[in-house]
Amino acid sequence: RSWLNVFTDFCCSFATSLSALDKEEHSAAVEDKGQTSADFSRIYSTDLLPAPGGEEMTGEFLKELVNILLAYISKSSQRSSKVLDFHHPHQLKEGLECFTLDLPDKPEPLEQLLVDCRDTLKYGVCTGHPRFLNQLSSGLDVVGLAGEWLTSAANTNMFTYEVSPVFVLMEEFLLRKMQSIVGWSDDVGDGIFCPGGTISNLYSVLLARYHFYPEVKTMGMGVLPQLALFTSEQSHYSVKKSAAVLGMGSKNVFMVKCDDSGKMIPSELESCIVAADKKGLVPFYVNATAGTTVYGAFDPLDAIADICQRHTLWMHVDAAWGGGLLMSDRHKMKLRGIERAWSVTWNPHKMMGVPLQCSVILVKKRGLLQECNDFGAEYLFQTDKIYDVSYDTGDKSFQCGRHVDVFKLWLMWKAKGSEGFGAQVNKCLENAEYLYDQLQRRTHFELVLKNKPEHSNVCFWYIPPSLRSLPPGPDRDARLHQVAPRIKGRMMEKGSVMIGYQPLGDKVNFFRCVFSNPATQQEDVDFLLEEIARLADDL
């Protein structure tokens, strides 16, 4: 709330300053169009900057837009408001009231655009709501939002220092900071901001293959042996997807067994490596997960690193979800051994609450990103520029254009400090512990995992009245499998709260509640459990 109050005061001051401008000149400009200062019904985008004299009208339009956003941000924090105003796809496609997805041939006035902005927010999901617990990324950080606004206003690209000097240097500083937190020394390390954890993981496989077989860059897959990759059976699906995209085949990804808590079993990894070798495949890459998507489990990184070292395999740690715990003195020991990884995925848009998207791939071997991806396009990466061209980072990426994802994280780090991020992580895990304790105390709820959660994931079933007298068995399981989807559907239609559900292995559909939203309090946890019981009373 303190950040919201500061931001509100700023916007009010901004609006007051605009009003104090030369009103006579502004009124004359508006009267030429036969309008009042607040009437956008006959004002069009062509009246805004860079149109001559468009400063005043641009200010008025942006002031109205800020008012819309302020109202949305304020409403997002109110527990009396809905998490979503749910409509089925056909309803939104057909149009609601003044809202339509159809695109016109002729331009529409700014008044309609402002209405469209309001309606877009109205019919969307309010991920900043304290009771949005559906995804690993949630919450609304006002400083991060300010960073996103500035980034969009700058509208630049991250491929060269010449067009993005400050952002390129920010990225270098932040990457070094994150490498230091991982535990790498100053003389090693590289990285780049990516469009999401899946792409970061794709980079890790690409780099591992190039490290062992650099000829693949020019000669293609035909010069390589059939390669084998290893990841846990509860890891993110992006590892299999990466193998498919890079032409190695998803069937050559060995899914290593996990223990009951969702952690990779090191002895099973060893067995899979031996099995792959016997099949004539060449093992080269192991993905360890720090914070699995469903259970929030942390693989035993040190034990996996020992195996990778013994077999000379690339060790990647997918810490997209769990990397934020490195910011917490209380919880960072759960990632012990991550410093031994050859590459790391870390998504600040998850536990650290940075607005989407903000994902990083960190690479221990400096220069490998450049060697693997560079093609030296002369229209961008000339070698005879007036500055040090090593700061032209575009050739480290397999993209060309790259969005500025660094500034919002940099600005939030300035606002919170490392300690503030640590406190935020601690609060999320405290909420998970509170939910775990409540589930143990309340009747008709069953925990999927009996142990205290390692991360902020808590998985559970709710047993509705009609199933409480049924003995365990296939009939009960089949009926219980339908419970979570039906409760979730009622949640969405009511708009009161949102959490996810899924099956896993032989376990039928269960709820997965994840905490990454700093706005969520213990009262929201209590509400969640009471709402589930209310919505399932007749099931």
Protein backbone atom coordinates (compact mmCIF):
# COMPACT_ATOMS: atom_id res chain seq x y z
CA ARG A 1 0.00 0.00 0.00
CA SER A 2 2.86 2.43 0.74
CA TRP A 3 4.11 2.20 -2.87
CA LEU A 4 0.57 2.67 -4.17
CA ASN A 5 0.13 5.82 -2.05
CA VAL A 6 3.42 7.26 -3.28
CA PHE A 7 2.49 6.50 -6.88
CA THR A 8 -1.00 8.00 -6.44
CA ASP A 9 0.47 11.20 -4.97
CA PHE A 10 2.89 11.44 -7.91
CA CYS A 11 0.09 11.04 -10.46
CA CYS A 12 -2.08 13.61 -8.68
CA SER A 13 0.83 16.07 -8.71
CA PHE A 14 1.37 15.29 -12.39
CA ALA A 15 -2.28 15.96 -13.16
CA THR A 16 -2.21 19.22 -11.16
CA SER A 17 0.89 20.37 -13.03
CA LEU A 18 -0.79 19.71 -16.36
CA SER A 19 -3.83 21.71 -15.27
CA ALA A 20 -1.60 24.62 -14.26
CA LEU A 21 -0.17 24.95 -17.78
CA ASP A 22 -1.20 27.86 -19.99
CA LYS A 23 -4.95 27.17 -20.04
CA GLU A 24 -5.78 29.91 -22.54
CA GLU A 25 -3.44 28.48 -25.17
CA HIS A 26 -4.75 24.99 -24.48
CA SER A 27 -8.38 26.11 -24.69
CA ALA A 28 -7.75 27.90 -28.00
CA ALA A 29 -6.23 24.75 -29.48
CA VAL A 30 -9.16 22.67 -28.29
CA GLU A 31 -11.79 25.19 -29.44
CA ASP A 32 -10.44 24.91 -32.98
CA LYS A 33 -11.79 21.37 -32.88
CA GLY A 34 -14.99 22.40 -31.13
CA GLN A 35 -14.13 20.33 -28.04
CA THR A 36 -13.87 20.73 -24.29
CA SER A 37 -10.60 19.72 -22.61
CA ALA A 38 -12.05 16.43 -21.36
CA ASP A 39 -13.89 15.49 -24.53
CA PHE A 40 -12.04 12.94 -26.66
CA SER A 41 -14.98 12.01 -28.88
CA ARG A 42 -13.56 13.90 -31.87
CA ILE A 43 -9.87 13.69 -31.02
CA TYR A 44 -7.79 11.09 -32.85
CA SER A 45 -4.31 9.61 -32.55
CA THR A 46 -3.19 11.95 -35.31
CA ASP A 47 -3.74 14.85 -32.87
CA LEU A 48 -1.11 13.47 -30.50
CA LEU A 49 2.64 13.83 -30.64
CA PRO A 50 4.53 13.97 -32.92
CA ALA A 51 1.78 16.13 -34.47
CA PRO A 52 2.66 19.87 -34.31
CA GLY A 53 1.18 21.36 -31.15
CA GLY A 54 0.24 17.93 -29.87
CA GLU A 55 1.89 18.26 -26.46
CA GLU A 56 -1.22 19.39 -24.60
CA MET A 57 -3.55 16.82 -26.06
CA THR A 58 -0.95 14.09 -25.49
CA GLY A 59 -0.77 15.13 -21.85
CA GLU A 60 -4.56 15.06 -21.49
CA PHE A 61 -4.79 11.63 -23.10
CA LEU A 62 -2.02 10.13 -20.96
CA LYS A 63 -3.55 11.70 -17.86
CA GLU A 64 -6.82 9.89 -18.59
CA LEU A 65 -4.93 6.66 -19.19
CA VAL A 66 -3.06 7.05 -15.88
CA ASN A 67 -6.42 7.52 -14.13
CA ILE A 68 -7.66 4.25 -15.65
CA LEU A 69 -4.53 2.42 -14.54
CA LEU A 70 -4.64 3.94 -11.05
CA ALA A 71 -8.23 2.81 -10.62
CA TYR A 72 -7.25 -0.69 -11.76
CA ILE A 73 -4.23 -0.86 -9.44
CA SER A 74 -6.31 0.35 -6.51
CA LYS A 75 -9.07 -2.15 -7.25
CA SER A 76 -6.51 -4.94 -7.58
CA SER A 77 -5.57 -4.57 -3.93
CA GLN A 78 -9.17 -4.67 -2.68
CA ARG A 79 -10.30 -8.08 -1.46
CA SER A 80 -13.92 -7.09 -2.08
CA SER A 81 -13.23 -6.94 -5.82
CA LYS A 82 -13.19 -9.94 -8.15
CA VAL A 83 -10.06 -11.73 -9.28
CA LEU A 84 -11.74 -12.00 -12.69
CA ASP A 85 -15.01 -11.20 -14.41
CA PHE A 86 -15.23 -14.49 -16.25
CA HIS A 87 -16.74 -14.84 -19.73
CA HIS A 88 -16.49 -17.75 -22.13
CA PRO A 89 -14.43 -17.28 -25.32
CA HIS A 90 -17.50 -17.07 -27.56
CA GLN A 91 -18.89 -14.24 -25.42
CA LEU A 92 -15.75 -12.14 -25.72
CA LYS A 93 -15.47 -12.88 -29.44
CA GLU A 94 -19.07 -11.86 -30.06
CA GLY A 95 -18.63 -8.62 -28.10
CA LEU A 96 -19.90 -7.31 -24.78
CA GLU A 97 -21.59 -3.93 -24.37
CA CYS A 98 -19.18 -1.48 -26.08
CA PHE A 99 -16.30 -3.95 -26.16
CA THR A 100 -15.51 -5.64 -29.45
CA LEU A 101 -12.41 -7.35 -30.81
CA ASP A 102 -13.24 -6.35 -34.40
CA LEU A 103 -10.78 -3.98 -36.08
CA PRO A 104 -12.12 -0.98 -38.05
CA ASP A 105 -11.13 0.33 -41.47
CA LYS A 106 -11.39 3.96 -40.32
CA PRO A 107 -9.70 5.34 -37.18
CA GLU A 108 -11.72 5.55 -33.99
CA PRO A 109 -11.54 8.54 -31.61
CA LEU A 110 -9.45 8.51 -28.44
CA GLU A 111 -12.63 8.29 -26.38
CA GLN A 112 -13.27 4.80 -27.77
CA LEU A 113 -9.65 3.82 -27.18
CA LEU A 114 -9.95 4.79 -23.51
CA VAL A 115 -13.12 2.74 -23.24
CA ASP A 116 -11.28 -0.19 -24.82
CA CYS A 117 -8.47 0.17 -22.29
CA ARG A 118 -10.94 0.05 -19.40
CA ASP A 119 -12.76 -2.96 -20.85
CA THR A 120 -9.55 -4.85 -21.59
CA LEU A 121 -8.62 -4.60 -17.91
CA LYS A 122 -12.20 -5.31 -16.82
CA TYR A 123 -12.50 -8.64 -18.66
CA GLY A 124 -8.93 -9.79 -17.97
CA VAL A 125 -7.56 -11.62 -14.93
CA CYS A 126 -6.34 -9.44 -12.08
CA THR A 127 -3.02 -11.17 -11.37
CA GLY A 128 -2.11 -8.56 -8.74
CA HIS A 129 -5.13 -9.50 -6.59
CA PRO A 130 -4.12 -10.95 -3.19
CA ARG A 131 -6.23 -14.04 -3.96
CA PHE A 132 -4.68 -14.81 -7.34
CA LEU A 133 -2.65 -17.91 -6.46
CA ASN A 134 -2.90 -19.62 -9.83
CA GLN A 135 0.55 -19.20 -11.40
CA LEU A 136 4.19 -19.07 -10.37
CA SER A 137 4.25 -15.42 -11.46
CA SER A 138 1.74 -13.10 -9.80
CA GLY A 139 1.45 -9.79 -7.99
CA LEU A 140 1.87 -6.22 -9.15
CA ASP A 141 4.96 -4.23 -8.19
CA VAL A 142 4.45 -0.51 -8.82
CA VAL A 143 8.16 0.25 -9.18
CA GLY A 144 8.47 -2.59 -11.68
CA LEU A 145 5.48 -1.14 -13.53
CA ALA A 146 7.22 2.23 -13.65
CA GLY A 147 10.26 0.49 -15.10
CA GLU A 148 8.14 -1.13 -17.80
CA TRP A 149 6.63 2.24 -18.68
CA LEU A 150 10.05 3.83 -19.06
CA THR A 151 11.24 0.90 -21.15
CA SER A 152 8.28 1.27 -23.51
CA ALA A 153 8.77 5.03 -23.73
CA ALA A 154 12.44 4.52 -24.68
CA ASN A 155 11.35 1.87 -27.23
CA THR A 156 14.88 0.74 -27.94
CA ASN A 157 16.55 -2.57 -28.67
CA MET A 158 19.19 -4.54 -26.78
CA PHE A 159 21.34 -5.63 -29.71
CA THR A 160 23.95 -2.81 -29.73
CA TYR A 161 25.50 -0.32 -27.34
CA GLU A 162 24.97 2.45 -29.88
CA VAL A 163 21.15 2.31 -29.60
CA SER A 164 20.89 1.10 -25.98
CA PRO A 165 23.94 2.30 -24.05
CA VAL A 166 22.50 2.56 -20.53
CA PHE A 167 20.42 -0.63 -20.74
CA VAL A 168 23.36 -2.66 -22.09
CA LEU A 169 25.53 -1.58 -19.15
CA MET A 170 22.69 -2.26 -16.70
CA GLU A 171 22.41 -5.77 -18.08
CA GLU A 172 26.14 -6.35 -17.59
CA PHE A 173 25.99 -5.14 -13.98
CA LEU A 174 22.89 -7.18 -13.13
CA LEU A 175 24.24 -10.36 -14.70
CA ARG A 176 27.46 -10.01 -12.71
CA LYS A 177 25.42 -9.48 -9.54
CA MET A 178 23.35 -12.61 -10.19
CA GLN A 179 26.46 -14.64 -11.07
CA SER A 180 27.99 -13.57 -7.76
CA ILE A 181 24.84 -14.64 -5.88
CA VAL A 182 24.97 -18.03 -7.62
CA GLY A 183 28.51 -18.35 -6.28
CA TRP A 184 30.73 -17.90 -9.33
CA SER A 185 33.99 -15.97 -9.10
CA ASP A 186 34.51 -12.63 -10.84
CA ASP A 187 36.77 -14.07 -13.52
CA VAL A 188 34.09 -16.36 -14.97
CA GLY A 189 30.50 -16.00 -16.02
CA ASP A 190 28.35 -14.63 -18.81
CA GLY A 191 24.65 -14.44 -19.52
CA ILE A 192 21.78 -12.78 -21.28
CA PHE A 193 18.16 -11.86 -20.58
CA CYS A 194 15.73 -14.15 -22.42
CA PRO A 195 12.00 -14.22 -23.23
CA GLY A 196 11.09 -16.75 -20.54
CA GLY A 197 12.47 -19.81 -18.78
CA THR A 198 11.77 -22.16 -21.69
CA ILE A 199 14.06 -20.12 -23.94
CA SER A 200 16.67 -19.92 -21.16
CA ASN A 201 16.63 -23.73 -20.90
CA LEU A 202 16.84 -23.97 -24.69
CA TYR A 203 19.99 -21.85 -24.55
CA SER A 204 21.52 -24.26 -22.03
CA VAL A 205 21.06 -27.27 -24.33
CA LEU A 206 22.29 -25.31 -27.34
CA LEU A 207 25.42 -24.18 -25.48
CA ALA A 208 26.13 -27.64 -24.09
CA ARG A 209 25.99 -29.17 -27.56
CA TYR A 210 28.23 -26.45 -29.02
CA HIS A 211 30.71 -26.79 -26.13
CA PHE A 212 31.28 -30.48 -26.86
CA TYR A 213 30.70 -30.36 -30.63
CA PRO A 214 31.43 -26.86 -32.02
CA GLU A 215 31.37 -28.22 -35.59
CA VAL A 216 27.58 -28.55 -35.33
CA LYS A 217 27.28 -24.79 -35.91
CA THR A 218 28.47 -25.07 -39.50
CA MET A 219 28.16 -28.77 -40.40
CA GLY A 220 24.81 -29.62 -38.81
CA MET A 221 23.53 -32.63 -36.92
CA GLY A 222 24.86 -35.11 -39.48
CA VAL A 223 28.40 -34.88 -38.04
CA LEU A 224 27.29 -35.69 -34.50
CA PRO A 225 26.66 -38.95 -32.66
CA GLN A 226 23.19 -39.58 -31.28
CA LEU A 227 23.12 -37.53 -28.09
CA ALA A 228 21.35 -38.26 -24.79
CA LEU A 229 19.98 -35.76 -22.27
CA PHE A 230 18.86 -36.40 -18.68
CA THR A 231 16.31 -34.65 -16.51
CA SER A 232 13.97 -35.63 -13.69
CA GLU A 233 10.50 -36.99 -14.36
CA GLN A 234 9.11 -33.94 -12.54
CA SER A 235 11.17 -31.34 -14.37
CA HIS A 236 9.74 -28.71 -16.70
CA TYR A 237 8.64 -29.93 -20.13
CA SER A 238 10.92 -27.37 -21.79
CA VAL A 239 13.87 -29.80 -21.62
CA LYS A 240 12.07 -32.26 -23.90
CA LYS A 241 10.90 -29.41 -26.07
CA SER A 242 14.47 -28.14 -26.42
CA ALA A 243 15.66 -31.57 -27.56
CA ALA A 244 12.90 -31.63 -30.17
CA VAL A 245 13.56 -28.08 -31.39
CA LEU A 246 17.32 -28.68 -31.68
CA GLY A 247 16.90 -31.89 -33.66
CA MET A 248 18.06 -34.34 -30.98
CA GLY A 249 14.64 -35.88 -30.45
CA SER A 250 12.44 -35.91 -27.37
CA LYS A 251 12.81 -39.70 -27.07
CA ASN A 252 16.51 -39.21 -26.38
CA VAL A 253 15.67 -37.35 -23.18
CA PHE A 254 15.90 -39.79 -20.27
CA MET A 255 13.38 -39.05 -17.52
CA VAL A 256 15.11 -39.88 -14.23
CA LYS A 257 13.00 -41.25 -11.39
CA CYS A 258 12.24 -39.08 -8.37
CA ASP A 259 11.63 -39.87 -4.72
CA ASP A 260 8.25 -39.33 -3.09
CA SER A 261 8.97 -35.62 -2.53
CA GLY A 262 9.75 -35.00 -6.22
CA LYS A 263 13.57 -34.90 -6.03
CA MET A 264 15.75 -36.61 -8.63
CA ILE A 265 17.37 -39.78 -7.26
CA PRO A 266 21.13 -39.61 -8.02
CA SER A 267 21.55 -43.38 -8.27
CA GLU A 268 18.78 -43.45 -10.89
CA LEU A 269 20.61 -40.76 -12.86
CA GLU A 270 23.72 -42.91 -12.82
CA SER A 271 21.69 -45.90 -14.04
CA CYS A 272 20.16 -43.86 -16.88
CA ILE A 273 23.59 -42.71 -18.04
CA VAL A 274 24.79 -46.32 -18.14
CA ALA A 275 21.60 -47.38 -19.99
CA ALA A 276 22.04 -44.63 -22.59
CA ASP A 277 25.63 -45.67 -23.17
CA LYS A 278 24.59 -49.29 -23.70
CA LYS A 279 22.08 -48.14 -26.34
CA GLY A 280 24.88 -46.48 -28.26
CA LEU A 281 23.88 -42.96 -27.30
CA VAL A 282 26.37 -40.33 -26.10
CA PRO A 283 25.40 -38.65 -22.81
CA PHE A 284 26.31 -34.95 -22.73
CA TYR A 285 23.77 -32.92 -20.67
CA VAL A 286 22.00 -33.15 -17.31
CA ASN A 287 19.27 -30.80 -16.15
CA ALA A 288 18.78 -30.49 -12.39
CA THR A 289 15.73 -28.62 -11.11
CA ALA A 290 15.77 -26.14 -8.24
CA GLY A 291 12.06 -25.78 -7.52
CA THR A 292 9.91 -28.13 -9.56
CA THR A 293 6.73 -26.72 -11.05
CA VAL A 294 4.25 -28.87 -9.14
CA TYR A 295 5.84 -29.86 -5.81
CA GLY A 296 8.48 -27.13 -5.57
CA ALA A 297 11.16 -29.78 -4.97
CA PHE A 298 14.91 -29.14 -5.12
CA ASP A 299 17.08 -31.80 -6.70
CA PRO A 300 20.26 -32.75 -4.75
CA LEU A 301 22.61 -30.48 -6.70
CA ASP A 302 25.89 -31.53 -5.13
CA ALA A 303 25.27 -35.23 -5.74
CA ILE A 304 24.24 -34.52 -9.34
CA ALA A 305 27.32 -32.34 -9.82
CA ASP A 306 29.52 -35.23 -8.66
CA ILE A 307 28.00 -37.50 -11.30
CA CYS A 308 28.35 -34.87 -14.03
CA GLN A 309 31.98 -34.30 -13.09
CA ARG A 310 32.71 -38.02 -13.14
CA HIS A 311 31.16 -38.48 -16.60
CA THR A 312 32.18 -35.05 -18.01
CA LEU A 313 28.60 -33.93 -18.60
CA TRP A 314 27.24 -30.40 -18.85
CA MET A 315 25.27 -29.63 -15.69
CA HIS A 316 22.43 -27.15 -16.03
CA VAL A 317 20.27 -26.01 -13.12
CA ASP A 318 16.74 -24.92 -13.97
CA ALA A 319 16.16 -22.49 -11.10
CA ALA A 320 13.44 -20.59 -12.94
CA TRP A 321 11.13 -21.05 -9.95
CA GLY A 322 13.58 -21.64 -7.11
CA GLY A 323 16.28 -19.11 -8.02
CA GLY A 324 14.57 -16.40 -6.01
CA LEU A 325 15.40 -18.30 -2.82
CA LEU A 326 19.03 -17.33 -3.37
CA MET A 327 17.99 -13.87 -2.18
CA SER A 328 16.96 -15.25 1.22
CA ASP A 329 19.56 -15.96 3.92
CA ARG A 330 16.97 -18.28 5.48
CA HIS A 331 16.33 -20.45 2.40
CA LYS A 332 19.31 -20.17 0.02
CA MET A 333 20.92 -23.34 1.44
CA LYS A 334 18.25 -25.30 -0.47
CA LEU A 335 20.25 -24.51 -3.62
CA ARG A 336 23.57 -25.68 -2.18
CA GLY A 337 25.73 -26.89 -5.07
CA ILE A 338 24.30 -24.53 -7.69
CA GLU A 339 27.72 -22.88 -7.97
CA ARG A 340 28.98 -26.12 -9.57
CA ALA A 341 26.56 -25.80 -12.49
CA TRP A 342 27.79 -24.91 -15.98
CA SER A 343 24.62 -22.89 -16.64
CA VAL A 344 21.64 -21.65 -14.64
CA THR A 345 18.13 -20.48 -15.54
CA TRP A 346 16.69 -17.88 -13.14
CA ASN A 347 13.34 -16.10 -13.60
CA PRO A 348 13.03 -12.88 -11.56
CA HIS A 349 9.45 -12.57 -12.84
CA LYS A 350 8.49 -15.41 -10.49
CA MET A 351 9.53 -15.31 -6.83
CA MET A 352 11.06 -11.82 -7.09
CA GLY A 353 7.82 -10.36 -8.48
CA VAL A 354 9.27 -8.52 -11.49
CA PRO A 355 6.63 -7.78 -14.16
CA LEU A 356 6.60 -10.31 -17.01
CA GLN A 357 8.82 -11.07 -18.72
CA CYS A 358 12.19 -11.25 -16.97
CA SER A 359 14.28 -14.41 -17.35
CA VAL A 360 18.04 -14.95 -17.36
CA ILE A 361 20.40 -17.65 -18.60
CA LEU A 362 23.72 -17.56 -16.73
CA VAL A 363 26.70 -19.37 -18.27
CA LYS A 364 29.90 -20.17 -16.41
CA LYS A 365 32.20 -20.24 -19.47
CA ARG A 366 32.73 -16.66 -20.58
CA GLY A 367 32.62 -16.13 -24.35
CA LEU A 368 30.69 -19.30 -25.12
CA LEU A 369 27.43 -17.45 -25.83
CA GLN A 370 29.20 -15.28 -28.38
CA GLU A 371 31.03 -18.16 -30.05
CA CYS A 372 27.91 -20.29 -30.29
CA ASN A 373 25.57 -17.66 -31.71
CA ASP A 374 27.54 -14.97 -33.52
CA PHE A 375 27.30 -14.47 -37.27
CA GLY A 376 28.60 -10.89 -37.40
CA ALA A 377 25.85 -9.21 -39.41
CA GLU A 378 27.66 -6.17 -40.84
CA TYR A 379 24.65 -3.88 -40.81
CA LEU A 380 24.58 -4.15 -37.00
CA PHE A 381 27.90 -5.40 -35.67
CA GLN A 382 30.52 -3.36 -37.49
CA THR A 383 34.01 -3.75 -36.02
CA ASP A 384 35.17 -0.19 -36.75
CA LYS A 385 32.76 1.71 -34.48
CA ILE A 386 34.03 4.52 -32.25
CA TYR A 387 33.43 2.56 -29.02
CA ASP A 388 34.38 -0.85 -27.60
CA VAL A 389 32.25 -3.19 -29.73
CA SER A 390 32.43 -5.95 -27.12
CA TYR A 391 29.42 -4.15 -25.64
CA ASP A 392 27.34 -5.01 -28.72
CA THR A 393 25.55 -7.95 -27.10
CA GLY A 394 23.17 -8.88 -29.92
CA ASP A 395 25.40 -11.59 -31.38
CA LYS A 396 25.37 -13.47 -28.06
CA SER A 397 21.71 -14.19 -28.74
CA PHE A 398 20.04 -16.34 -31.39
CA GLN A 399 17.44 -13.58 -31.61
CA CYS A 400 18.08 -10.36 -33.43
CA GLY A 401 15.86 -7.81 -31.73
CA ARG A 402 15.67 -8.18 -27.96
CA HIS A 403 13.27 -6.47 -25.57
CA VAL A 404 14.68 -4.45 -22.67
CA ASP A 405 13.84 -6.69 -19.71
CA VAL A 406 16.63 -5.49 -17.44
CA PHE A 407 15.49 -2.01 -16.40
CA LYS A 408 12.45 -2.99 -14.31
CA LEU A 409 14.56 -5.49 -12.35
CA TRP A 410 17.35 -2.94 -11.90
CA LEU A 411 14.87 -0.32 -10.67
CA MET A 412 13.18 -2.75 -8.27
CA TRP A 413 16.57 -3.82 -6.89
CA LYS A 414 17.34 -0.15 -6.21
CA ALA A 415 13.97 0.22 -4.48
CA LYS A 416 14.10 -2.93 -2.34
CA GLY A 417 17.75 -3.80 -2.02
CA SER A 418 18.82 -7.41 -1.79
CA GLU A 419 17.39 -7.51 1.74
CA GLY A 420 13.97 -6.46 0.50
CA PHE A 421 13.86 -9.28 -2.04
CA GLY A 422 14.91 -11.70 0.70
CA ALA A 423 12.11 -10.53 2.98
CA GLN A 424 9.62 -10.89 0.12
CA VAL A 425 10.71 -14.49 -0.49
CA ASN A 426 10.53 -15.28 3.22
CA LYS A 427 6.97 -13.94 3.39
CA CYS A 428 5.82 -16.14 0.49
CA LEU A 429 7.26 -19.26 2.11
CA GLU A 430 5.71 -18.30 5.45
CA ASN A 431 2.32 -18.22 3.70
CA ALA A 432 3.00 -21.72 2.36
CA GLU A 433 3.86 -22.98 5.84
CA TYR A 434 0.69 -21.41 7.20
CA LEU A 435 -1.44 -23.14 4.54
CA TYR A 436 0.33 -26.44 5.27
CA ASP A 437 -0.45 -26.07 8.99
CA GLN A 438 -4.08 -25.18 8.31
CA LEU A 439 -4.55 -28.18 6.03
CA GLN A 440 -3.30 -30.47 8.79
CA ARG A 441 -5.78 -28.97 11.26
CA ARG A 442 -8.90 -28.84 9.08
CA THR A 443 -11.08 -31.84 8.35
CA HIS A 444 -11.93 -32.96 4.81
CA PHE A 445 -8.61 -31.69 3.39
CA GLU A 446 -5.79 -34.11 2.55
CA LEU A 447 -2.17 -33.18 1.83
CA VAL A 448 -0.55 -34.74 -1.23
CA LEU A 449 2.86 -34.58 0.47
CA LYS A 450 3.02 -35.08 4.21
CA ASN A 451 6.33 -33.26 4.62
CA LYS A 452 6.60 -29.52 5.20
CA PRO A 453 6.92 -27.72 1.82
CA GLU A 454 10.44 -26.82 0.66
CA HIS A 455 9.20 -24.01 -1.56
CA SER A 456 5.91 -22.10 -1.64
CA ASN A 457 4.01 -24.91 -3.41
CA VAL A 458 1.32 -26.65 -1.35
CA CYS A 459 -0.64 -29.52 -2.92
CA PHE A 460 -3.85 -30.95 -1.48
CA TRP A 461 -7.24 -32.55 -2.09
CA TYR A 462 -10.61 -31.47 -0.79
CA ILE A 463 -12.99 -34.36 0.00
CA PRO A 464 -16.61 -33.26 -0.61
CA PRO A 465 -19.53 -34.70 1.40
CA SER A 466 -20.46 -37.40 -1.13
CA LEU A 467 -17.00 -39.03 -1.00
CA ARG A 468 -16.30 -39.01 2.71
CA SER A 469 -17.78 -42.41 3.40
CA LEU A 470 -16.22 -44.12 0.35
CA PRO A 471 -13.28 -46.49 0.97
CA PRO A 472 -10.03 -45.88 -0.95
CA GLY A 473 -10.05 -47.44 -4.39
CA PRO A 474 -10.63 -46.86 -8.12
CA ASP A 475 -14.23 -45.66 -7.71
CA ARG A 476 -13.29 -43.03 -5.13
CA ASP A 477 -10.29 -41.94 -7.20
CA ALA A 478 -12.38 -41.57 -10.36
CA ARG A 479 -14.89 -39.38 -8.55
CA LEU A 480 -12.25 -37.39 -6.66
CA HIS A 481 -10.53 -36.68 -9.99
CA GLN A 482 -13.56 -34.59 -11.02
CA VAL A 483 -13.74 -32.54 -7.83
CA ALA A 484 -10.90 -30.03 -8.31
CA PRO A 485 -11.94 -29.07 -11.89
CA ARG A 486 -15.54 -28.48 -10.78
CA ILE A 487 -14.50 -26.35 -7.80
CA LYS A 488 -12.06 -24.42 -10.00
CA GLY A 489 -14.81 -23.75 -12.53
CA ARG A 490 -17.07 -22.37 -9.82
CA MET A 491 -14.21 -20.21 -8.52
CA MET A 492 -13.74 -18.69 -11.95
CA GLU A 493 -17.44 -18.05 -12.52
CA LYS A 494 -17.71 -16.40 -9.12
CA GLY A 495 -14.40 -14.58 -9.51
CA SER A 496 -13.55 -14.95 -5.84
CA VAL A 497 -10.16 -16.70 -5.92
CA MET A 498 -7.95 -18.63 -8.35
CA ILE A 499 -5.60 -21.55 -7.79
CA GLY A 500 -4.43 -24.29 -10.13
CA TYR A 501 -4.95 -28.05 -10.19
CA GLN A 502 -3.51 -31.05 -12.02
CA PRO A 503 -2.94 -34.80 -11.79
CA LEU A 504 0.57 -36.20 -11.34
CA GLY A 505 1.58 -39.80 -11.97
CA ASP A 506 -0.93 -42.06 -10.25
CA LYS A 507 -2.38 -39.16 -8.23
CA VAL A 508 -5.75 -37.85 -9.38
CA ASN A 509 -6.44 -34.12 -9.76
CA PHE A 510 -5.32 -32.11 -6.74
CA PHE A 511 -5.06 -28.39 -5.99
CA ARG A 512 -1.66 -26.73 -6.27
CA CYS A 513 -1.48 -23.43 -4.41
CA VAL A 514 1.64 -21.36 -5.08
CA PHE A 515 2.68 -18.19 -3.27
CA SER A 516 4.66 -15.55 -5.15
CA ASN A 517 2.29 -12.62 -4.64
CA PRO A 518 3.58 -10.19 -1.97
CA ALA A 519 0.04 -8.89 -1.42
CA THR A 520 -1.24 -12.25 -0.13
CA GLN A 521 -1.80 -12.49 3.63
CA GLN A 522 -2.87 -15.25 6.03
CA GLU A 523 -6.46 -14.02 5.84
CA ASP A 524 -6.41 -14.87 2.12
CA VAL A 525 -5.25 -18.40 2.92
CA ASP A 526 -8.16 -18.79 5.35
CA PHE A 527 -10.55 -17.43 2.74
CA LEU A 528 -9.24 -19.90 0.15
CA LEU A 529 -9.96 -22.93 2.31
CA GLU A 530 -13.36 -21.66 3.40
CA GLU A 531 -14.30 -20.82 -0.20
CA ILE A 532 -13.33 -24.29 -1.42
CA ALA A 533 -15.55 -25.84 1.24
CA ARG A 534 -18.45 -23.50 0.33
CA LEU A 535 -18.18 -24.15 -3.40
CA ALA A 536 -18.04 -27.92 -2.91
CA ASP A 537 -20.80 -28.26 -0.35
CA ASP A 538 -23.19 -29.95 -2.82
CA LEU A 539 -20.62 -32.11 -4.65
